[in-house]
Protein backbone atom coordinates (compact mmCIF):
# COMPACT_ATOMS: atom_id res chain seq x y z
CA GLN A 1 -57.72 283.62 153.68
CA VAL A 2 -56.94 281.86 157.04
CA GLN A 3 -56.94 278.12 156.53
CA LEU A 4 -58.17 275.62 159.49
CA VAL A 5 -56.26 272.26 160.21
CA GLU A 6 -57.77 269.82 162.82
CA SER A 7 -55.83 267.08 164.85
CA GLY A 8 -56.29 264.82 167.78
CA GLY A 9 -59.15 262.56 166.24
CA GLY A 10 -58.48 258.66 166.82
CA LEU A 11 -60.16 255.50 168.31
CA VAL A 12 -61.40 255.51 171.99
CA GLN A 13 -63.14 253.27 174.44
CA THR A 14 -66.67 254.41 176.02
CA GLY A 15 -66.15 256.50 178.72
CA GLY A 16 -62.62 257.96 177.60
CA SER A 17 -61.59 261.41 176.43
CA LEU A 18 -60.23 263.17 173.45
CA ARG A 19 -58.90 266.71 172.95
CA LEU A 20 -59.22 268.11 169.47
CA ALA A 21 -57.30 270.82 168.35
CA CYS A 22 -57.94 273.36 165.05
CA ALA A 23 -54.94 275.16 164.13
CA ALA A 24 -55.45 278.37 162.18
CA SER A 25 -52.62 279.70 159.62
CA GLY A 26 -53.51 283.38 160.49
CA SER A 27 -54.81 285.31 163.56
CA ILE A 28 -58.01 284.17 165.01
CA GLU A 29 -58.93 287.31 166.82
CA TYR A 30 -61.11 288.66 163.79
CA LEU A 31 -63.07 285.30 163.60
CA THR A 32 -66.04 286.13 165.58
CA SER A 33 -67.73 282.53 165.41
CA MET A 34 -65.80 279.60 165.73
CA GLY A 35 -66.97 276.05 166.23
CA TRP A 36 -66.97 272.08 165.81
CA TYR A 37 -69.42 270.40 163.74
CA ARG A 38 -69.66 266.71 163.31
CA GLN A 39 -70.81 264.42 160.74
CA ALA A 40 -71.65 260.59 161.19
CA PRO A 41 -72.37 258.16 158.47
CA GLY A 42 -75.73 258.66 156.80
CA LYS A 43 -76.51 261.47 159.08
CA GLN A 44 -76.57 265.53 158.45
CA ARG A 45 -73.81 267.70 159.87
CA GLU A 46 -74.61 269.09 163.04
CA LEU A 47 -73.17 271.72 165.13
CA VAL A 48 -71.67 270.37 168.36
CA ALA A 49 -70.21 273.55 170.03
CA MET A 50 -69.49 277.16 169.16
CA SER A 51 -67.38 280.15 170.64
CA THR A 52 -67.63 283.84 169.96
CA THR A 53 -64.88 286.29 170.28
CA GLY A 54 -67.09 287.81 173.07
CA GLY A 55 -66.78 284.76 175.09
CA ARG A 56 -70.11 283.36 174.46
CA THR A 57 -70.40 279.31 174.10
CA ASN A 58 -73.05 277.15 172.88
CA TYR A 59 -73.26 273.57 172.84
CA ALA A 60 -75.58 271.00 171.20
CA ASP A 61 -78.07 268.98 173.88
CA SER A 62 -76.33 265.74 173.56
CA VAL A 63 -72.59 267.10 174.34
CA LYS A 64 -73.45 269.42 177.20
CA GLY A 65 -71.56 268.55 180.38
CA ARG A 66 -69.13 266.42 178.50
CA PHE A 67 -67.48 268.67 175.66
CA LEU A 68 -65.81 272.04 176.28
CA ILE A 69 -64.81 274.14 173.59
CA SER A 70 -62.07 276.83 174.04
CA ARG A 71 -59.86 279.33 172.05
CA ASP A 72 -56.32 280.23 172.61
CA SER A 73 -55.63 283.40 170.82
CA ALA A 74 -52.01 283.39 171.29
CA LYS A 75 -51.71 279.98 169.45
CA ASN A 76 -54.44 280.81 166.89
CA THR A 77 -56.01 277.58 168.05
CA LEU A 78 -59.71 276.31 168.92
CA TYR A 79 -60.00 273.21 171.09
CA LEU A 80 -62.45 270.63 171.96
CA GLN A 81 -62.11 268.63 175.11
CA MET A 82 -64.50 265.50 174.87
CA ASN A 83 -65.12 263.60 177.88
CA SER A 84 -67.28 260.58 178.75
CA LEU A 85 -67.49 259.86 175.01
CA GLU A 86 -70.10 257.56 173.76
CA PRO A 87 -70.30 255.33 170.45
CA GLU A 88 -72.87 258.09 169.39
CA ASP A 89 -70.29 260.61 169.17
CA THR A 90 -68.34 258.46 166.62
CA ALA A 91 -67.83 260.92 163.40
CA VAL A 92 -66.13 263.08 161.51
CA TYR A 93 -65.35 266.40 163.11
CA TYR A 94 -64.91 269.55 161.52
CA CYS A 95 -63.49 273.00 162.52
CA ALA A 96 -65.34 276.03 161.26
CA ALA A 97 -65.12 279.63 161.56
CA GLY A 98 -66.32 283.02 160.16
CA ALA A 99 -65.86 286.68 160.76
CA SER A 100 -69.75 287.18 161.49
CA LEU A 101 -71.60 285.75 164.42
CA ASN A 102 -73.14 282.46 163.59
CA ILE A 103 -71.84 282.06 160.06
CA PHE A 104 -69.29 279.77 159.06
CA THR A 105 -67.47 280.64 155.87
CA ILE A 106 -64.26 278.85 156.55
CA TRP A 107 -63.99 275.03 157.25
CA GLY A 108 -61.27 272.60 157.95
CA GLN A 109 -60.65 269.12 156.44
CA GLY A 110 -62.09 267.12 159.23
CA THR A 111 -60.66 264.40 161.89
CA GLN A 112 -62.07 261.18 162.52
CA VAL A 113 -63.34 260.25 165.93
CA THR A 114 -64.21 256.67 166.51
CA VAL A 115 -65.61 255.63 170.06
CA SER A 116 -65.71 251.88 170.53
CA ALA A 117 -68.42 250.04 172.71
């Protein structure tokens, strides 16, 4: 089974940017759904953005216009470009993937994103 490893998290000031990367140990071409979730302390895990092999993308309302999800099949990597970061974006961000639409069965270990006020 493909394994996912996230990177790119860190500490950034309000208004700053980060780019998260999710490297897969194998081909991502069969992973119909790939996405980014996040979980803040005391809150439920929520879907931030997702991408399908058909090119469709979806975003949580709270990140629309600020975050951009993309895939690089040649590098077997999923990205999340995060701009205009806000303290409310502070969370552990998880990469997830699955062979079926909207079903995520493979998860990374997460990367911490902290946005200071």
